């Protein structure tokens, strides 16, 4: 959680916290990387996208799933991100 969203969010319920932890465990198993790396990835993606758009972080959904590779018959991890956009910022020149 970043500093600016700390003041704007309500405290998460126990159910939501447990749900988020379960998601991280499932993602960890699918991608074979640590939950800390995935959380850092999510934070970095939010930071970059927030430079250009106002997004709804509460409704943000990121998952790592498996899909078949086009080059071979192997399955590969895929990052899926559903990021609701509130508005697009005008770039300053």
PDB file of N, CA and C in Angstrom:
ATOM      1  N   UNK A   1       0.856  -1.172   0.000  1.00  0.00           N
ATOM      2  CA  UNK A   1       0.000   0.000   0.000  1.00  0.00           C
ATOM      3  C   UNK A   1       0.902   1.234   0.000  1.00  0.00           C
ATOM      4  N   UNK A   2       0.602   2.186  -0.893  1.00  0.00           N
ATOM      5  CA  UNK A   2       1.413   3.385  -0.921  1.00  0.00           C
ATOM      6  C   UNK A   2       0.870   4.426   0.051  1.00  0.00           C
ATOM      7  N   UNK A   3       1.656   5.455   0.309  1.00  0.00           N
ATOM      8  CA  UNK A   3       1.356   6.445   1.340  1.00  0.00           C
ATOM      9  C   UNK A   3       0.059   7.193   1.066  1.00  0.00           C
ATOM     10  N   UNK A   4      -0.188   7.582  -0.198  1.00  0.00           N
ATOM     11  CA  UNK A   4      -1.390   8.371  -0.499  1.00  0.00           C
ATOM     12  C   UNK A   4      -2.669   7.568  -0.318  1.00  0.00           C
ATOM     13  N   UNK A   5      -2.619   6.267  -0.598  1.00  0.00           N
ATOM     14  CA  UNK A   5      -3.832   5.473  -0.439  1.00  0.00           C
ATOM     15  C   UNK A   5      -4.070   5.071   1.016  1.00  0.00           C
ATOM     16  N   UNK A   6      -3.069   5.259   1.860  1.00  0.00           N
ATOM     17  CA  UNK A   6      -3.203   4.906   3.271  1.00  0.00           C
ATOM     18  C   UNK A   6      -4.350   5.665   3.925  1.00  0.00           C
ATOM     19  N   UNK A   7      -4.494   6.946   3.588  1.00  0.00           N
ATOM     20  CA  UNK A   7      -5.513   7.770   4.225  1.00  0.00           C
ATOM     21  C   UNK A   7      -6.879   7.657   3.552  1.00  0.00           C
ATOM     22  N   UNK A   8      -6.914   7.194   2.306  1.00  0.00           N
ATOM     23  CA  UNK A   8      -8.177   7.178   1.586  1.00  0.00           C
ATOM     24  C   UNK A   8      -8.930   5.861   1.701  1.00  0.00           C
ATOM     25  N   UNK A   9      -8.309   4.840   2.202  1.00  0.00           N
ATOM     26  CA  UNK A   9      -8.957   3.536   2.269  1.00  0.00           C
ATOM     27  C   UNK A   9      -9.465   3.227   3.668  1.00  0.00           C
ATOM     28  N   UNK A  10     -10.539   2.447   3.671  1.00  0.00           N
ATOM     29  CA  UNK A  10     -11.024   1.917   4.935  1.00  0.00           C
ATOM     30  C   UNK A  10     -10.136   0.730   5.314  1.00  0.00           C
ATOM     31  N   UNK A  11     -10.131   0.394   6.573  1.00  0.00           N
ATOM     32  CA  UNK A  11      -9.384  -0.785   7.005  1.00  0.00           C
ATOM     33  C   UNK A  11     -10.025  -2.022   6.387  1.00  0.00           C
ATOM     34  N   UNK A  12      -9.213  -2.897   5.773  1.00  0.00           N
ATOM     35  CA  UNK A  12      -9.791  -4.085   5.148  1.00  0.00           C
ATOM     36  C   UNK A  12     -10.363  -5.039   6.195  1.00  0.00           C
ATOM     37  N   UNK A  13     -11.429  -5.710   5.807  1.00  0.00           N
ATOM     38  CA  UNK A  13     -12.022  -6.677   6.722  1.00  0.00           C
ATOM     39  C   UNK A  13     -11.139  -7.917   6.791  1.00  0.00           C
ATOM     40  N   UNK A  14     -11.356  -8.727   7.801  1.00  0.00           N
ATOM     41  CA  UNK A  14     -10.598  -9.964   7.955  1.00  0.00           C
ATOM     42  C   UNK A  14     -10.816 -10.866   6.755  1.00  0.00           C
ATOM     43  N   UNK A  15     -12.041 -10.891   6.250  1.00  0.00           N
ATOM     44  CA  UNK A  15     -12.363 -11.710   5.082  1.00  0.00           C
ATOM     45  C   UNK A  15     -11.559 -11.259   3.867  1.00  0.00           C
ATOM     46  N   UNK A  16     -11.488  -9.953   3.640  1.00  0.00           N
ATOM     47  CA  UNK A  16     -10.749  -9.430   2.495  1.00  0.00           C
ATOM     48  C   UNK A  16      -9.256  -9.703   2.613  1.00  0.00           C
ATOM     49  N   UNK A  17      -8.739  -9.567   3.815  1.00  0.00           N
ATOM     50  CA  UNK A  17      -7.324  -9.846   4.045  1.00  0.00           C
ATOM     51  C   UNK A  17      -7.015 -11.310   3.758  1.00  0.00           C
ATOM     52  N   UNK A  18      -7.855 -12.201   4.240  1.00  0.00           N
ATOM     53  CA  UNK A  18      -7.664 -13.636   4.000  1.00  0.00           C
ATOM     54  C   UNK A  18      -7.774 -13.953   2.510  1.00  0.00           C
ATOM     55  N   UNK A  19      -8.710 -13.317   1.840  1.00  0.00           N
ATOM     56  CA  UNK A  19      -8.900 -13.530   0.403  1.00  0.00           C
ATOM     57  C   UNK A  19      -7.660 -13.080  -0.375  1.00  0.00           C
ATOM     58  N   UNK A  20      -7.118 -11.913  -0.023  1.00  0.00           N
ATOM     59  CA  UNK A  20      -5.916 -11.410  -0.682  1.00  0.00           C
ATOM     60  C   UNK A  20      -4.722 -12.331  -0.441  1.00  0.00           C
ATOM     61  N   UNK A  21      -4.591 -12.824   0.762  1.00  0.00           N
ATOM     62  CA  UNK A  21      -3.482 -13.742   1.071  1.00  0.00           C
ATOM     63  C   UNK A  21      -3.607 -15.038   0.282  1.00  0.00           C
ATOM     64  N   UNK A  22      -4.816 -15.553   0.156  1.00  0.00           N
ATOM     65  CA  UNK A  22      -5.033 -16.772  -0.614  1.00  0.00           C
ATOM     66  C   UNK A  22      -4.694 -16.544  -2.081  1.00  0.00           C
ATOM     67  N   UNK A  23      -5.081 -15.396  -2.612  1.00  0.00           N
ATOM     68  CA  UNK A  23      -4.743 -15.073  -3.998  1.00  0.00           C
ATOM     69  C   UNK A  23      -3.231 -15.064  -4.190  1.00  0.00           C
ATOM     70  N   UNK A  24      -2.514 -14.448  -3.237  1.00  0.00           N
ATOM     71  CA  UNK A  24      -1.058 -14.392  -3.352  1.00  0.00           C
ATOM     72  C   UNK A  24      -0.434 -15.782  -3.303  1.00  0.00           C
ATOM     73  N   UNK A  25      -0.959 -16.658  -2.477  1.00  0.00           N
ATOM     74  CA  UNK A  25      -0.450 -18.027  -2.397  1.00  0.00           C
ATOM     75  C   UNK A  25      -0.683 -18.755  -3.716  1.00  0.00           C
ATOM     76  N   UNK A  26      -1.884 -18.600  -4.287  1.00  0.00           N
ATOM     77  CA  UNK A  26      -2.185 -19.241  -5.561  1.00  0.00           C
ATOM     78  C   UNK A  26      -1.303 -18.705  -6.682  1.00  0.00           C
ATOM     79  N   UNK A  27      -1.105 -17.409  -6.695  1.00  0.00           N
ATOM     80  CA  UNK A  27      -0.244 -16.798  -7.705  1.00  0.00           C
ATOM     81  C   UNK A  27       1.182 -17.309  -7.551  1.00  0.00           C
ATOM     82  N   UNK A  28       1.636 -17.385  -6.326  1.00  0.00           N
ATOM     83  CA  UNK A  28       2.987 -17.877  -6.056  1.00  0.00           C
ATOM     84  C   UNK A  28       3.159 -19.283  -6.617  1.00  0.00           C
ATOM     85  N   UNK A  29       2.182 -20.150  -6.395  1.00  0.00           N
ATOM     86  CA  UNK A  29       2.249 -21.512  -6.893  1.00  0.00           C
ATOM     87  C   UNK A  29       2.261 -21.560  -8.416  1.00  0.00           C
ATOM     88  N   UNK A  30       1.462 -20.723  -9.056  1.00  0.00           N
ATOM     89  CA  UNK A  30       1.358 -20.737 -10.517  1.00  0.00           C
ATOM     90  C   UNK A  30       2.597 -20.172 -11.191  1.00  0.00           C
ATOM     91  N   UNK A  31       3.159 -19.123 -10.637  1.00  0.00           N
ATOM     92  CA  UNK A  31       4.266 -18.434 -11.286  1.00  0.00           C
ATOM     93  C   UNK A  31       5.626 -18.901 -10.804  1.00  0.00           C
ATOM     94  N   UNK A  32       5.647 -19.625  -9.718  1.00  0.00           N
ATOM     95  CA  UNK A  32       6.890 -20.108  -9.134  1.00  0.00           C
ATOM     96  C   UNK A  32       7.838 -18.950  -8.789  1.00  0.00           C
ATOM     97  N   UNK A  33       7.279 -17.881  -8.220  1.00  0.00           N
ATOM     98  CA  UNK A  33       8.098 -16.797  -7.690  1.00  0.00           C
ATOM     99  C   UNK A  33       7.476 -16.339  -6.367  1.00  0.00           C
ATOM    100  N   UNK A  34       8.248 -15.629  -5.594  1.00  0.00           N
ATOM    101  CA  UNK A  34       7.799 -15.279  -4.246  1.00  0.00           C
ATOM    102  C   UNK A  34       6.663 -14.256  -4.261  1.00  0.00           C
ATOM    103  N   UNK A  35       5.878 -14.277  -3.197  1.00  0.00           N
ATOM    104  CA  UNK A  35       4.781 -13.311  -3.079  1.00  0.00           C
ATOM    105  C   UNK A  35       5.319 -11.890  -2.950  1.00  0.00           C
ATOM    106  N   UNK A  36       6.517 -11.747  -2.388  1.00  0.00           N
ATOM    107  CA  UNK A  36       7.112 -10.410  -2.275  1.00  0.00           C
ATOM    108  C   UNK A  36       7.418  -9.835  -3.656  1.00  0.00           C
ATOM    109  N   UNK A  37       7.932 -10.669  -4.549  1.00  0.00           N
ATOM    110  CA  UNK A  37       8.222 -10.210  -5.906  1.00  0.00           C
ATOM    111  C   UNK A  37       6.933  -9.812  -6.614  1.00  0.00           C
ATOM    112  N   UNK A  38       5.893 -10.610  -6.447  1.00  0.00           N
ATOM    113  CA  UNK A  38       4.613 -10.288  -7.079  1.00  0.00           C
ATOM    114  C   UNK A  38       4.015  -8.999  -6.525  1.00  0.00           C
ATOM    115  N   UNK A  39       4.131  -8.785  -5.243  1.00  0.00           N
ATOM    116  CA  UNK A  39       3.612  -7.552  -4.636  1.00  0.00           C
ATOM    117  C   UNK A  39       4.407  -6.344  -5.123  1.00  0.00           C
ATOM    118  N   UNK A  40       5.727  -6.493  -5.258  1.00  0.00           N
ATOM    119  CA  UNK A  40       6.552  -5.399  -5.784  1.00  0.00           C
ATOM    120  C   UNK A  40       6.195  -5.109  -7.239  1.00  0.00           C
ATOM    121  N   UNK A  41       5.933  -6.151  -8.006  1.00  0.00           N
ATOM    122  CA  UNK A  41       5.525  -5.988  -9.394  1.00  0.00           C
ATOM    123  C   UNK A  41       4.216  -5.209  -9.482  1.00  0.00           C
ATOM    124  N   UNK A  42       3.260  -5.579  -8.657  1.00  0.00           N
ATOM    125  CA  UNK A  42       1.963  -4.887  -8.630  1.00  0.00           C
ATOM    126  C   UNK A  42       2.145  -3.413  -8.261  1.00  0.00           C
ATOM    127  N   UNK A  43       2.955  -3.154  -7.246  1.00  0.00           N
ATOM    128  CA  UNK A  43       3.213  -1.777  -6.816  1.00  0.00           C
ATOM    129  C   UNK A  43       3.866  -0.969  -7.926  1.00  0.00           C
ATOM    130  N   UNK A  44       4.854  -1.565  -8.610  1.00  0.00           N
ATOM    131  CA  UNK A  44       5.540  -0.862  -9.692  1.00  0.00           C
ATOM    132  C   UNK A  44       4.608  -0.580 -10.867  1.00  0.00           C
ATOM    133  N   UNK A  45       3.768  -1.539 -11.217  1.00  0.00           N
ATOM    134  CA  UNK A  45       2.830  -1.335 -12.322  1.00  0.00           C
ATOM    135  C   UNK A  45       1.860  -0.209 -11.977  1.00  0.00           C
ATOM    136  N   UNK A  46       1.349  -0.202 -10.753  1.00  0.00           N
ATOM    137  CA  UNK A  46       0.443   0.867 -10.316  1.00  0.00           C
ATOM    138  C   UNK A  46       1.139   2.214 -10.388  1.00  0.00           C
ATOM    139  N   UNK A  47       2.380   2.276  -9.939  1.00  0.00           N
ATOM    140  CA  UNK A  47       3.128   3.539  -9.939  1.00  0.00           C
ATOM    141  C   UNK A  47       3.305   4.072 -11.358  1.00  0.00           C
ATOM    142  N   UNK A  48       3.680   3.216 -12.287  1.00  0.00           N
ATOM    143  CA  UNK A  48       3.907   3.649 -13.666  1.00  0.00           C
ATOM    144  C   UNK A  48       2.599   4.092 -14.333  1.00  0.00           C
ATOM    145  N   UNK A  49       1.564   3.280 -14.210  1.00  0.00           N
ATOM    146  CA  UNK A  49       0.291   3.617 -14.844  1.00  0.00           C
ATOM    147  C   UNK A  49      -0.294   4.893 -14.238  1.00  0.00           C
ATOM    148  N   UNK A  50      -0.078   5.099 -12.942  1.00  0.00           N
ATOM    149  CA  UNK A  50      -0.600   6.291 -12.266  1.00  0.00           C
ATOM    150  C   UNK A  50       0.056   7.577 -12.764  1.00  0.00           C
ATOM    151  N   UNK A  51       1.200   7.478 -13.432  1.00  0.00           N
ATOM    152  CA  UNK A  51       1.818   8.662 -14.037  1.00  0.00           C
ATOM    153  C   UNK A  51       0.981   9.197 -15.191  1.00  0.00           C
ATOM    154  N   UNK A  52       0.166   8.339 -15.796  1.00  0.00           N
ATOM    155  CA  UNK A  52      -0.590   8.698 -16.985  1.00  0.00           C
ATOM    156  C   UNK A  52      -2.100   8.690 -16.794  1.00  0.00           C
ATOM    157  N   UNK A  53      -2.561   7.961 -15.770  1.00  0.00           N
ATOM    158  CA  UNK A  53      -4.002   7.798 -15.573  1.00  0.00           C
ATOM    159  C   UNK A  53      -4.332   7.762 -14.097  1.00  0.00           C
ATOM    160  N   UNK A  54      -5.552   8.190 -13.773  1.00  0.00           N
ATOM    161  CA  UNK A  54      -6.081   7.982 -12.428  1.00  0.00           C
ATOM    162  C   UNK A  54      -6.795   6.641 -12.459  1.00  0.00           C
ATOM    163  N   UNK A  55      -6.385   5.740 -11.581  1.00  0.00           N
ATOM    164  CA  UNK A  55      -6.966   4.399 -11.586  1.00  0.00           C
ATOM    165  C   UNK A  55      -7.666   4.117 -10.264  1.00  0.00           C
ATOM    166  N   UNK A  56      -8.543   3.129 -10.289  1.00  0.00           N
ATOM    167  CA  UNK A  56      -9.266   2.701  -9.093  1.00  0.00           C
ATOM    168  C   UNK A  56      -8.517   1.511  -8.489  1.00  0.00           C
ATOM    169  N   UNK A  57      -7.641   1.789  -7.538  1.00  0.00           N
ATOM    170  CA  UNK A  57      -6.812   0.740  -6.942  1.00  0.00           C
ATOM    171  C   UNK A  57      -7.631  -0.281  -6.154  1.00  0.00           C
ATOM    172  N   UNK A  58      -8.792   0.128  -5.642  1.00  0.00           N
ATOM    173  CA  UNK A  58      -9.626  -0.797  -4.875  1.00  0.00           C
ATOM    174  C   UNK A  58     -10.208  -1.902  -5.756  1.00  0.00           C
ATOM    175  N   UNK A  59     -10.446  -1.601  -7.020  1.00  0.00           N
ATOM    176  CA  UNK A  59     -11.041  -2.570  -7.945  1.00  0.00           C
ATOM    177  C   UNK A  59     -10.007  -3.248  -8.838  1.00  0.00           C
ATOM    178  N   UNK A  60      -8.735  -2.922  -8.656  1.00  0.00           N
ATOM    179  CA  UNK A  60      -7.668  -3.489  -9.450  1.00  0.00           C
ATOM    180  C   UNK A  60      -7.565  -4.993  -9.217  1.00  0.00           C
ATOM    181  N   UNK A  61      -7.382  -5.747 -10.287  1.00  0.00           N
ATOM    182  CA  UNK A  61      -7.265  -7.201 -10.184  1.00  0.00           C
ATOM    183  C   UNK A  61      -6.087  -7.650 -11.029  1.00  0.00           C
ATOM    184  N   UNK A  62      -5.102  -8.288 -10.398  1.00  0.00           N
ATOM    185  CA  UNK A  62      -3.950  -8.821 -11.110  1.00  0.00           C
ATOM    186  C   UNK A  62      -3.819 -10.294 -10.782  1.00  0.00           C
ATOM    187  N   UNK A  63      -3.607 -11.086 -11.819  1.00  0.00           N
ATOM    188  CA  UNK A  63      -3.472 -12.521 -11.639  1.00  0.00           C
ATOM    189  C   UNK A  63      -2.382 -13.046 -12.554  1.00  0.00           C
ATOM    190  N   UNK A  64      -1.793 -14.135 -12.137  1.00  0.00           N
ATOM    191  CA  UNK A  64      -0.890 -14.861 -13.015  1.00  0.00           C
ATOM    192  C   UNK A  64      -1.553 -16.196 -13.299  1.00  0.00           C
ATOM    193  N   UNK A  65      -1.732 -16.474 -14.585  1.00  0.00           N
ATOM    194  CA  UNK A  65      -2.369 -17.717 -15.002  1.00  0.00           C
ATOM    195  C   UNK A  65      -1.413 -18.456 -15.929  1.00  0.00           C
ATOM    196  N   UNK A  66      -1.819 -19.595 -16.368  1.00  0.00           N
ATOM    197  CA  UNK A  66      -1.026 -20.397 -17.302  1.00  0.00           C
ATOM    198  C   UNK A  66      -1.727 -20.425 -18.661  1.00  0.00           C
ATOM    199  N   UNK A  67      -0.946 -20.393 -19.731  1.00  0.00           N
ATOM    200  CA  UNK A  67      -1.488 -20.512 -21.083  1.00  0.00           C
ATOM    201  C   UNK A  67      -0.497 -21.289 -21.935  1.00  0.00           C
ATOM    202  N   UNK A  68      -0.970 -21.808 -23.030  1.00  0.00           N
ATOM    203  CA  UNK A  68      -0.100 -22.541 -23.950  1.00  0.00           C
ATOM    204  C   UNK A  68       0.753 -21.558 -24.734  1.00  0.00           C
ATOM    205  N   UNK A  69       2.010 -21.918 -24.906  1.00  0.00           N
ATOM    206  CA  UNK A  69       2.919 -21.097 -25.682  1.00  0.00           C
ATOM    207  C   UNK A  69       2.638 -21.271 -27.168  1.00  0.00           C
ATOM    208  N   UNK A  70       2.726 -20.182 -27.932  1.00  0.00           N
ATOM    209  CA  UNK A  70       2.523 -20.278 -29.376  1.00  0.00           C
ATOM    210  C   UNK A  70       3.701 -20.958 -30.055  1.00  0.00           C
ATOM    211  N   UNK A  71       4.888 -20.856 -29.458  1.00  0.00           N
ATOM    212  CA  UNK A  71       6.097 -21.410 -30.058  1.00  0.00           C
ATOM    213  C   UNK A  71       6.281 -22.900 -29.791  1.00  0.00           C
ATOM    214  N   UNK A  72       5.722 -23.375 -28.678  1.00  0.00           N
ATOM    215  CA  UNK A  72       5.892 -24.782 -28.334  1.00  0.00           C
ATOM    216  C   UNK A  72       4.629 -25.274 -27.635  1.00  0.00           C
ATOM    217  N   UNK A  73       4.655 -26.518 -27.237  1.00  0.00           N
ATOM    218  CA  UNK A  73       3.500 -27.095 -26.559  1.00  0.00           C
ATOM    219  C   UNK A  73       3.568 -26.923 -25.042  1.00  0.00           C
ATOM    220  N   UNK A  74       4.457 -26.093 -24.582  1.00  0.00           N
ATOM    221  CA  UNK A  74       4.617 -25.869 -23.147  1.00  0.00           C
ATOM    222  C   UNK A  74       3.628 -24.818 -22.656  1.00  0.00           C
ATOM    223  N   UNK A  75       3.341 -24.857 -21.356  1.00  0.00           N
ATOM    224  CA  UNK A  75       2.537 -23.793 -20.762  1.00  0.00           C
ATOM    225  C   UNK A  75       3.478 -22.759 -20.159  1.00  0.00           C
ATOM    226  N   UNK A  76       3.067 -21.523 -20.236  1.00  0.00           N
ATOM    227  CA  UNK A  76       3.874 -20.417 -19.725  1.00  0.00           C
ATOM    228  C   UNK A  76       3.003 -19.533 -18.838  1.00  0.00           C
ATOM    229  N   UNK A  77       3.611 -18.873 -17.840  1.00  0.00           N
ATOM    230  CA  UNK A  77       2.823 -17.964 -17.009  1.00  0.00           C
ATOM    231  C   UNK A  77       2.479 -16.683 -17.780  1.00  0.00           C
ATOM    232  N   UNK A  78       1.281 -16.157 -17.505  1.00  0.00           N
ATOM    233  CA  UNK A  78       0.804 -14.931 -18.142  1.00  0.00           C
ATOM    234  C   UNK A  78       0.291 -14.001 -17.052  1.00  0.00           C
ATOM    235  N   UNK A  79       0.687 -12.742 -17.128  1.00  0.00           N
ATOM    236  CA  UNK A  79       0.192 -11.738 -16.187  1.00  0.00           C
ATOM    237  C   UNK A  79      -1.066 -11.122 -16.773  1.00  0.00           C
ATOM    238  N   UNK A  80      -2.149 -11.215 -16.030  1.00  0.00           N
ATOM    239  CA  UNK A  80      -3.432 -10.629 -16.418  1.00  0.00           C
ATOM    240  C   UNK A  80      -3.702  -9.479 -15.464  1.00  0.00           C
ATOM    241  N   UNK A  81      -3.964  -8.293 -16.004  1.00  0.00           N
ATOM    242  CA  UNK A  81      -4.255  -7.136 -15.170  1.00  0.00           C
ATOM    243  C   UNK A  81      -5.544  -6.472 -15.641  1.00  0.00           C
ATOM    244  N   UNK A  82      -6.489  -6.332 -14.720  1.00  0.00           N
ATOM    245  CA  UNK A  82      -7.729  -5.609 -14.967  1.00  0.00           C
ATOM    246  C   UNK A  82      -7.639  -4.357 -14.107  1.00  0.00           C
ATOM    247  N   UNK A  83      -7.376  -3.215 -14.753  1.00  0.00           N
ATOM    248  CA  UNK A  83      -7.120  -1.970 -14.038  1.00  0.00           C
ATOM    249  C   UNK A  83      -8.163  -0.937 -14.453  1.00  0.00           C
ATOM    250  N   UNK A  84      -9.172  -0.693 -13.612  1.00  0.00           N
ATOM    251  CA  UNK A  84     -10.195   0.309 -13.950  1.00  0.00           C
ATOM    252  C   UNK A  84      -9.593   1.717 -13.999  1.00  0.00           C
ATOM    253  N   UNK A  85      -9.855   2.412 -15.087  1.00  0.00           N
ATOM    254  CA  UNK A  85      -9.327   3.765 -15.296  1.00  0.00           C
ATOM    255  C   UNK A  85     -10.418   4.774 -14.965  1.00  0.00           C
ATOM    256  N   UNK A  86     -10.106   5.690 -14.048  1.00  0.00           N
ATOM    257  CA  UNK A  86     -11.046   6.763 -13.714  1.00  0.00           C
ATOM    258  C   UNK A  86     -10.951   7.893 -14.731  1.00  0.00           C
ATOM    259  N   UNK A  87      -9.721   8.279 -15.072  1.00  0.00           N
ATOM    260  CA  UNK A  87      -9.525   9.337 -16.072  1.00  0.00           C
ATOM    261  C   UNK A  87      -8.076   9.278 -16.571  1.00  0.00           C
ATOM    262  N   UNK A  88      -7.882   9.835 -17.758  1.00  0.00           N
ATOM    263  CA  UNK A  88      -6.550   9.897 -18.338  1.00  0.00           C
ATOM    264  C   UNK A  88      -6.007  11.311 -18.126  1.00  0.00           C
ATOM    265  N   UNK A  89      -4.785  11.377 -17.660  1.00  0.00           N
ATOM    266  CA  UNK A  89      -4.171  12.681 -17.390  1.00  0.00           C
ATOM    267  C   UNK A  89      -3.635  13.287 -18.677  1.00  0.00           C
ATOM    268  N   UNK A  90      -3.700  14.600 -18.751  1.00  0.00           N
ATOM    269  CA  UNK A  90      -3.125  15.310 -19.871  1.00  0.00           C
ATOM    270  C   UNK A  90      -1.637  15.464 -19.611  1.00  0.00           C
ATOM    271  N   UNK A  91      -0.843  15.133 -20.609  1.00  0.00           N
ATOM    272  CA  UNK A  91       0.607  15.246 -20.480  1.00  0.00           C
ATOM    273  C   UNK A  91       1.030  16.693 -20.606  1.00  0.00           C
ATOM    274  N   UNK A  92       1.928  17.095 -19.753  1.00  0.00           N
ATOM    275  CA  UNK A  92       2.458  18.470 -19.791  1.00  0.00           C
ATOM    276  C   UNK A  92       3.706  18.490 -20.639  1.00  0.00           C
ATOM    277  N   UNK A  93       3.793  19.470 -21.524  1.00  0.00           N
ATOM    278  CA  UNK A  93       4.967  19.574 -22.414  1.00  0.00           C
ATOM    279  C   UNK A  93       5.896  20.631 -21.938  1.00  0.00           C
TER     280      UNK A  93
END
